[in-house]
Amino acid sequence: MTKGRVRATVGYSLLTLMAVAAMVWTVVTGLARLDLLGDAVLVRLTECHDESAGRAGSRSVCSGPQVGDETHTVEISYEGRPGEVVRAVRKPWGGYEPVETGFVAWGVWVLAPLLPAMGTAAAGWLTAREMRRVRREARRA
């Protein structure tokens, strides 16, 4: 068994794990952004301002109290105006995002996990192929 085969097996295994993580991230983000988890809250916007994001430009950030729980302030990336009531959902790793309801948003978040899923399948196939080669070489020796 050569060092090259072992490195290839380890590399493909890590690539497979990263692709699985990307797929899980897109699935969870899509479920949250489309409010399929049912955790949306209403936010009454009281303040909106632009934040500089460096070379990427700026983004609009709004904040306001959660409707029904005026003590809890929610901050979301949203181009809105004060007084507007917006449905927002908390992502599992923190932060709030506005709920997306458009046809294009549904199409994007339903199809987004397909690319990492294909990467996972390809990397998994390469990992299995290298593992078979290592086993075959070990049997010959």
N, C-alpha and C. Protein backbone atom coordinates (compact mmCIF):
# COMPACT_ATOMS: atom_id res chain seq x y z
N MET A 1 0.85 -1.17 0.00
CA MET A 1 0.00 0.00 0.00
C MET A 1 0.90 1.23 0.00
N THR A 2 0.65 2.13 -0.92
CA THR A 2 1.49 3.31 -1.04
C THR A 2 0.91 4.47 -0.25
N LYS A 3 1.79 5.41 0.04
CA LYS A 3 1.35 6.60 0.77
C LYS A 3 0.36 7.41 -0.08
N GLY A 4 0.55 7.36 -1.37
CA GLY A 4 -0.35 8.10 -2.27
C GLY A 4 -1.78 7.61 -2.19
N ARG A 5 -1.96 6.30 -2.09
CA ARG A 5 -3.32 5.74 -1.98
C ARG A 5 -3.97 6.13 -0.66
N VAL A 6 -3.19 6.10 0.40
CA VAL A 6 -3.73 6.47 1.71
C VAL A 6 -4.12 7.95 1.70
N ARG A 7 -3.25 8.79 1.16
CA ARG A 7 -3.57 10.22 1.08
C ARG A 7 -4.82 10.47 0.23
N ALA A 8 -4.94 9.76 -0.86
CA ALA A 8 -6.11 9.92 -1.71
C ALA A 8 -7.38 9.50 -0.98
N THR A 9 -7.30 8.38 -0.26
CA THR A 9 -8.47 7.90 0.50
C THR A 9 -8.87 8.91 1.57
N VAL A 10 -7.91 9.42 2.30
CA VAL A 10 -8.19 10.41 3.35
C VAL A 10 -8.74 11.70 2.72
N GLY A 11 -8.14 12.13 1.64
CA GLY A 11 -8.61 13.35 0.96
C GLY A 11 -10.03 13.22 0.45
N TYR A 12 -10.34 12.10 -0.20
CA TYR A 12 -11.70 11.89 -0.69
C TYR A 12 -12.70 11.75 0.45
N SER A 13 -12.26 11.15 1.56
CA SER A 13 -13.15 11.03 2.73
C SER A 13 -13.47 12.41 3.29
N LEU A 14 -12.46 13.26 3.40
CA LEU A 14 -12.70 14.62 3.89
C LEU A 14 -13.59 15.41 2.93
N LEU A 15 -13.37 15.23 1.65
CA LEU A 15 -14.20 15.90 0.65
C LEU A 15 -15.65 15.43 0.76
N THR A 16 -15.85 14.15 1.01
CA THR A 16 -17.21 13.62 1.19
C THR A 16 -17.87 14.23 2.42
N LEU A 17 -17.14 14.32 3.52
CA LEU A 17 -17.70 14.91 4.74
C LEU A 17 -18.05 16.39 4.54
N MET A 18 -17.20 17.12 3.83
CA MET A 18 -17.49 18.54 3.57
C MET A 18 -18.72 18.68 2.68
N ALA A 19 -18.86 17.80 1.70
CA ALA A 19 -20.04 17.86 0.83
C ALA A 19 -21.31 17.52 1.60
N VAL A 20 -21.24 16.57 2.52
CA VAL A 20 -22.39 16.23 3.37
C VAL A 20 -22.76 17.44 4.23
N ALA A 21 -21.75 18.11 4.79
CA ALA A 21 -22.01 19.29 5.62
C ALA A 21 -22.66 20.40 4.79
N ALA A 22 -22.20 20.61 3.57
CA ALA A 22 -22.80 21.63 2.71
C ALA A 22 -24.24 21.27 2.37
N MET A 23 -24.50 20.00 2.13
CA MET A 23 -25.86 19.58 1.81
C MET A 23 -26.78 19.78 3.01
N VAL A 24 -26.32 19.41 4.20
CA VAL A 24 -27.13 19.60 5.41
C VAL A 24 -27.40 21.08 5.63
N TRP A 25 -26.37 21.92 5.42
CA TRP A 25 -26.53 23.37 5.60
C TRP A 25 -27.60 23.92 4.64
N THR A 26 -27.55 23.52 3.37
CA THR A 26 -28.54 24.04 2.42
C THR A 26 -29.94 23.53 2.73
N VAL A 27 -30.07 22.30 3.18
CA VAL A 27 -31.40 21.77 3.52
C VAL A 27 -31.97 22.53 4.72
N VAL A 28 -31.17 22.69 5.78
CA VAL A 28 -31.65 23.37 6.98
C VAL A 28 -31.95 24.84 6.69
N THR A 29 -31.09 25.50 5.93
CA THR A 29 -31.34 26.90 5.57
C THR A 29 -32.60 27.03 4.73
N GLY A 30 -32.79 26.13 3.79
CA GLY A 30 -34.01 26.17 2.97
C GLY A 30 -35.26 25.94 3.79
N LEU A 31 -35.22 24.99 4.70
CA LEU A 31 -36.38 24.74 5.57
C LEU A 31 -36.69 25.97 6.41
N ALA A 32 -35.65 26.63 6.90
CA ALA A 32 -35.86 27.83 7.72
C ALA A 32 -36.37 28.99 6.87
N ARG A 33 -35.73 29.27 5.73
CA ARG A 33 -36.10 30.43 4.91
C ARG A 33 -37.51 30.31 4.34
N LEU A 34 -37.97 29.10 4.10
CA LEU A 34 -39.32 28.90 3.56
C LEU A 34 -40.35 28.70 4.67
N ASP A 35 -39.91 28.75 5.92
CA ASP A 35 -40.75 28.58 7.11
C ASP A 35 -41.46 27.23 7.10
N LEU A 36 -40.77 26.20 6.69
CA LEU A 36 -41.34 24.86 6.74
C LEU A 36 -41.18 24.24 8.12
N LEU A 37 -40.41 24.88 8.99
CA LEU A 37 -40.25 24.42 10.36
C LEU A 37 -41.31 25.03 11.28
N GLY A 38 -42.00 26.06 10.80
CA GLY A 38 -43.09 26.67 11.55
C GLY A 38 -42.67 27.54 12.71
N ASP A 39 -41.49 28.13 12.67
CA ASP A 39 -41.00 28.95 13.77
C ASP A 39 -41.03 30.44 13.47
N ALA A 40 -41.80 30.89 12.50
CA ALA A 40 -41.80 32.30 12.10
C ALA A 40 -42.44 33.16 13.18
N VAL A 41 -41.90 34.36 13.32
CA VAL A 41 -42.44 35.36 14.23
C VAL A 41 -42.70 36.64 13.44
N LEU A 42 -43.60 37.46 13.94
CA LEU A 42 -43.87 38.75 13.33
C LEU A 42 -43.01 39.80 14.02
N VAL A 43 -42.39 40.66 13.21
CA VAL A 43 -41.52 41.71 13.73
C VAL A 43 -42.03 43.05 13.22
N ARG A 44 -42.25 43.99 14.13
CA ARG A 44 -42.64 45.35 13.75
C ARG A 44 -41.37 46.17 13.67
N LEU A 45 -41.00 46.56 12.46
CA LEU A 45 -39.75 47.28 12.24
C LEU A 45 -39.83 48.69 12.81
N THR A 46 -38.82 49.05 13.59
CA THR A 46 -38.77 50.39 14.16
C THR A 46 -37.58 51.18 13.65
N GLU A 47 -36.57 50.49 13.16
CA GLU A 47 -35.36 51.16 12.69
C GLU A 47 -34.77 50.39 11.52
N CYS A 48 -34.40 51.11 10.48
CA CYS A 48 -33.73 50.49 9.33
C CYS A 48 -32.53 51.37 8.95
N HIS A 49 -31.41 50.74 8.66
CA HIS A 49 -30.22 51.48 8.25
C HIS A 49 -29.35 50.58 7.38
N ASP A 50 -28.45 51.21 6.64
CA ASP A 50 -27.52 50.49 5.79
C ASP A 50 -26.23 50.26 6.56
N GLU A 51 -25.71 49.04 6.47
CA GLU A 51 -24.43 48.72 7.07
C GLU A 51 -23.41 48.49 5.97
N SER A 52 -22.25 49.04 6.14
CA SER A 52 -21.19 48.85 5.17
C SER A 52 -20.64 47.44 5.31
N ALA A 53 -20.52 46.76 4.18
CA ALA A 53 -20.00 45.39 4.19
C ALA A 53 -18.65 45.32 3.49
N GLY A 54 -17.89 46.40 3.54
CA GLY A 54 -16.56 46.41 2.93
C GLY A 54 -16.65 46.50 1.42
N ARG A 55 -15.85 45.70 0.74
CA ARG A 55 -15.80 45.73 -0.71
C ARG A 55 -17.08 45.22 -1.35
N ALA A 56 -17.84 44.42 -0.62
CA ALA A 56 -19.05 43.83 -1.17
C ALA A 56 -20.19 44.84 -1.26
N GLY A 57 -20.02 46.03 -0.69
CA GLY A 57 -21.08 47.03 -0.74
C GLY A 57 -21.75 47.18 0.60
N SER A 58 -23.03 47.41 0.59
CA SER A 58 -23.74 47.58 1.85
C SER A 58 -24.98 46.69 1.85
N ARG A 59 -25.50 46.48 3.03
CA ARG A 59 -26.72 45.70 3.17
C ARG A 59 -27.64 46.45 4.12
N SER A 60 -28.91 46.28 3.91
CA SER A 60 -29.89 46.95 4.74
C SER A 60 -30.25 46.06 5.92
N VAL A 61 -30.21 46.63 7.12
CA VAL A 61 -30.52 45.91 8.34
C VAL A 61 -31.64 46.65 9.05
N CYS A 62 -32.67 45.90 9.42
CA CYS A 62 -33.79 46.47 10.15
C CYS A 62 -33.93 45.74 11.48
N SER A 63 -34.46 46.45 12.46
CA SER A 63 -34.69 45.83 13.76
C SER A 63 -35.98 46.36 14.35
N GLY A 64 -36.52 45.59 15.26
CA GLY A 64 -37.75 45.98 15.92
C GLY A 64 -38.19 44.90 16.88
N PRO A 65 -39.22 45.21 17.67
CA PRO A 65 -39.70 44.23 18.64
C PRO A 65 -40.53 43.14 17.98
N GLN A 66 -40.49 41.98 18.59
CA GLN A 66 -41.31 40.86 18.14
C GLN A 66 -42.75 41.14 18.56
N VAL A 67 -43.69 40.97 17.66
CA VAL A 67 -45.10 41.20 17.97
C VAL A 67 -45.54 40.17 19.00
N GLY A 68 -46.13 40.64 20.09
CA GLY A 68 -46.55 39.76 21.17
C GLY A 68 -45.54 39.67 22.29
N ASP A 69 -44.29 39.98 22.00
CA ASP A 69 -43.23 39.98 23.01
C ASP A 69 -42.39 41.23 22.78
N GLU A 70 -42.89 42.37 23.24
CA GLU A 70 -42.27 43.66 22.96
C GLU A 70 -40.89 43.81 23.59
N THR A 71 -40.51 42.93 24.51
CA THR A 71 -39.21 43.04 25.16
C THR A 71 -38.09 42.41 24.32
N HIS A 72 -38.45 41.58 23.36
CA HIS A 72 -37.46 40.88 22.54
C HIS A 72 -37.27 41.63 21.22
N THR A 73 -36.09 42.18 20.98
CA THR A 73 -35.79 42.90 19.74
C THR A 73 -35.13 41.95 18.75
N VAL A 74 -35.60 42.00 17.52
CA VAL A 74 -35.11 41.13 16.46
C VAL A 74 -34.44 41.99 15.40
N GLU A 75 -33.26 41.54 14.93
CA GLU A 75 -32.55 42.24 13.86
C GLU A 75 -32.48 41.33 12.65
N ILE A 76 -32.92 41.84 11.49
CA ILE A 76 -32.91 41.03 10.27
C ILE A 76 -32.31 41.82 9.12
N SER A 77 -31.74 41.10 8.16
CA SER A 77 -31.26 41.72 6.92
C SER A 77 -32.47 41.84 6.00
N TYR A 78 -32.95 43.07 5.86
CA TYR A 78 -34.18 43.27 5.11
C TYR A 78 -34.25 44.72 4.66
N GLU A 79 -34.67 44.93 3.44
CA GLU A 79 -34.84 46.29 2.93
C GLU A 79 -36.28 46.72 3.16
N GLY A 80 -36.54 47.24 4.32
CA GLY A 80 -37.89 47.65 4.67
C GLY A 80 -37.91 49.08 5.15
N ARG A 81 -39.02 49.46 5.74
CA ARG A 81 -39.14 50.80 6.29
C ARG A 81 -39.81 50.70 7.65
N PRO A 82 -39.53 51.64 8.52
CA PRO A 82 -40.11 51.60 9.87
C PRO A 82 -41.64 51.57 9.82
N GLY A 83 -42.22 50.79 10.72
CA GLY A 83 -43.66 50.62 10.79
C GLY A 83 -44.16 49.38 10.08
N GLU A 84 -43.36 48.81 9.23
CA GLU A 84 -43.74 47.61 8.48
C GLU A 84 -43.67 46.39 9.41
N VAL A 85 -44.60 45.44 9.22
CA VAL A 85 -44.59 44.19 9.98
C VAL A 85 -44.13 43.08 9.03
N VAL A 86 -43.09 42.35 9.44
CA VAL A 86 -42.44 41.36 8.59
C VAL A 86 -42.42 40.02 9.32
N ARG A 87 -42.66 38.93 8.56
CA ARG A 87 -42.47 37.59 9.12
C ARG A 87 -41.00 37.23 9.02
N ALA A 88 -40.44 36.82 10.14
CA ALA A 88 -39.03 36.43 10.17
C ALA A 88 -38.91 35.08 10.85
N VAL A 89 -37.85 34.38 10.52
CA VAL A 89 -37.62 33.05 11.09
C VAL A 89 -36.19 32.99 11.61
N ARG A 90 -36.02 32.33 12.74
CA ARG A 90 -34.69 32.18 13.33
C ARG A 90 -34.03 30.94 12.75
N LYS A 91 -32.82 31.13 12.24
CA LYS A 91 -32.07 30.00 11.73
C LYS A 91 -31.48 29.22 12.90
N PRO A 92 -31.25 27.93 12.74
CA PRO A 92 -30.76 27.10 13.85
C PRO A 92 -29.44 27.59 14.45
N TRP A 93 -28.57 28.22 13.68
CA TRP A 93 -27.28 28.66 14.20
C TRP A 93 -27.31 30.12 14.62
N GLY A 94 -28.50 30.71 14.72
CA GLY A 94 -28.64 32.07 15.21
C GLY A 94 -28.95 33.05 14.10
N GLY A 95 -29.45 34.19 14.47
CA GLY A 95 -29.79 35.21 13.50
C GLY A 95 -31.17 34.99 12.91
N TYR A 96 -31.77 36.07 12.47
CA TYR A 96 -33.10 36.01 11.87
C TYR A 96 -33.02 36.37 10.40
N GLU A 97 -33.86 35.77 9.61
CA GLU A 97 -33.98 36.04 8.18
C GLU A 97 -35.45 36.23 7.85
N PRO A 98 -35.76 37.06 6.86
CA PRO A 98 -37.17 37.18 6.46
C PRO A 98 -37.64 35.90 5.78
N VAL A 99 -38.89 35.56 5.97
CA VAL A 99 -39.47 34.38 5.33
C VAL A 99 -39.66 34.69 3.85
N GLU A 100 -39.26 33.77 3.01
CA GLU A 100 -39.40 33.94 1.57
C GLU A 100 -40.64 33.18 1.10
N THR A 101 -41.47 33.85 0.31
CA THR A 101 -42.73 33.23 -0.12
C THR A 101 -42.87 33.16 -1.63
N GLY A 102 -41.96 33.76 -2.38
CA GLY A 102 -42.08 33.80 -3.83
C GLY A 102 -41.80 32.47 -4.50
N PHE A 103 -42.27 32.34 -5.73
CA PHE A 103 -42.09 31.12 -6.52
C PHE A 103 -40.61 30.85 -6.77
N VAL A 104 -39.86 31.90 -7.10
CA VAL A 104 -38.43 31.74 -7.39
C VAL A 104 -37.69 31.29 -6.13
N ALA A 105 -38.03 31.88 -4.98
CA ALA A 105 -37.38 31.49 -3.73
C ALA A 105 -37.65 30.02 -3.43
N TRP A 106 -38.86 29.57 -3.64
CA TRP A 106 -39.18 28.16 -3.42
C TRP A 106 -38.35 27.28 -4.36
N GLY A 107 -38.27 27.69 -5.63
CA GLY A 107 -37.48 26.91 -6.59
C GLY A 107 -36.02 26.84 -6.20
N VAL A 108 -35.46 27.98 -5.78
CA VAL A 108 -34.05 28.01 -5.40
C VAL A 108 -33.79 27.13 -4.19
N TRP A 109 -34.59 27.27 -3.13
CA TRP A 109 -34.31 26.53 -1.90
C TRP A 109 -34.70 25.06 -1.99
N VAL A 110 -35.55 24.70 -2.93
CA VAL A 110 -35.86 23.27 -3.12
C VAL A 110 -34.76 22.61 -3.96
N LEU A 111 -34.24 23.34 -4.94
CA LEU A 111 -33.22 22.77 -5.82
C LEU A 111 -31.80 22.96 -5.30
N ALA A 112 -31.57 23.89 -4.37
CA ALA A 112 -30.21 24.18 -3.88
C ALA A 112 -29.49 22.96 -3.30
N PRO A 113 -30.16 22.07 -2.58
CA PRO A 113 -29.42 20.92 -2.03
C PRO A 113 -28.97 19.91 -3.09
N LEU A 114 -29.45 20.03 -4.31
CA LEU A 114 -29.08 19.05 -5.34
C LEU A 114 -27.60 19.13 -5.70
N LEU A 115 -27.03 20.32 -5.78
CA LEU A 115 -25.63 20.46 -6.14
C LEU A 115 -24.71 19.83 -5.09
N PRO A 116 -24.88 20.14 -3.79
CA PRO A 116 -24.05 19.43 -2.80
C PRO A 116 -24.34 17.93 -2.75
N ALA A 117 -25.57 17.53 -3.05
CA ALA A 117 -25.89 16.09 -3.06
C ALA A 117 -25.11 15.39 -4.18
N MET A 118 -25.01 16.03 -5.33
CA MET A 118 -24.22 15.44 -6.42
C MET A 118 -22.74 15.40 -6.06
N GLY A 119 -22.25 16.45 -5.38
CA GLY A 119 -20.86 16.45 -4.92
C GLY A 119 -20.62 15.35 -3.90
N THR A 120 -21.59 15.15 -3.02
CA THR A 120 -21.47 14.09 -2.02
C THR A 120 -21.40 12.72 -2.69
N ALA A 121 -22.26 12.51 -3.68
CA ALA A 121 -22.27 11.23 -4.39
C ALA A 121 -20.96 10.99 -5.12
N ALA A 122 -20.45 12.02 -5.79
CA ALA A 122 -19.19 11.86 -6.53
C ALA A 122 -18.02 11.62 -5.59
N ALA A 123 -17.93 12.39 -4.51
CA ALA A 123 -16.83 12.21 -3.56
C ALA A 123 -16.95 10.86 -2.86
N GLY A 124 -18.17 10.43 -2.54
CA GLY A 124 -18.36 9.12 -1.93
C GLY A 124 -17.95 7.99 -2.86
N TRP A 125 -18.25 8.15 -4.14
CA TRP A 125 -17.84 7.14 -5.12
C TRP A 125 -16.32 7.06 -5.21
N LEU A 126 -15.66 8.24 -5.23
CA LEU A 126 -14.20 8.25 -5.30
C LEU A 126 -13.59 7.64 -4.04
N THR A 127 -14.18 7.92 -2.88
CA THR A 127 -13.70 7.34 -1.63
C THR A 127 -13.82 5.82 -1.66
N ALA A 128 -14.97 5.33 -2.07
CA ALA A 128 -15.19 3.87 -2.14
C ALA A 128 -14.22 3.23 -3.13
N ARG A 129 -13.98 3.88 -4.26
CA ARG A 129 -13.05 3.34 -5.26
C ARG A 129 -11.64 3.23 -4.69
N GLU A 130 -11.18 4.28 -4.00
CA GLU A 130 -9.83 4.23 -3.42
C GLU A 130 -9.73 3.18 -2.32
N MET A 131 -10.78 3.05 -1.53
CA MET A 131 -10.76 2.05 -0.46
C MET A 131 -10.69 0.64 -1.05
N ARG A 132 -11.42 0.40 -2.14
CA ARG A 132 -11.35 -0.91 -2.80
C ARG A 132 -9.94 -1.18 -3.33
N ARG A 133 -9.31 -0.15 -3.90
CA ARG A 133 -7.95 -0.33 -4.42
C ARG A 133 -6.97 -0.65 -3.30
N VAL A 134 -7.12 0.05 -2.16
CA VAL A 134 -6.21 -0.21 -1.03
C VAL A 134 -6.41 -1.64 -0.53
N ARG A 135 -7.65 -2.10 -0.40
CA ARG A 135 -7.92 -3.47 0.05
C ARG A 135 -7.35 -4.50 -0.94
N ARG A 136 -7.54 -4.23 -2.22
CA ARG A 136 -7.04 -5.15 -3.25
C ARG A 136 -5.52 -5.24 -3.18
N GLU A 137 -4.84 -4.10 -2.99
CA GLU A 137 -3.37 -4.12 -2.88
C GLU A 137 -2.91 -4.81 -1.61
N ALA A 138 -3.70 -4.68 -0.53
CA ALA A 138 -3.34 -5.32 0.74
C ALA A 138 -3.46 -6.83 0.63
N ARG A 139 -4.44 -7.31 -0.12
CA ARG A 139 -4.61 -8.76 -0.31
C ARG A 139 -3.46 -9.36 -1.12
N ARG A 140 -2.95 -8.61 -2.11
CA ARG A 140 -1.87 -9.11 -2.94
C ARG A 140 -0.56 -9.20 -2.16
N ALA A 141 -0.38 -8.32 -1.22
CA ALA A 141 0.90 -8.27 -0.50
C ALA A 141 1.02 -9.35 0.54
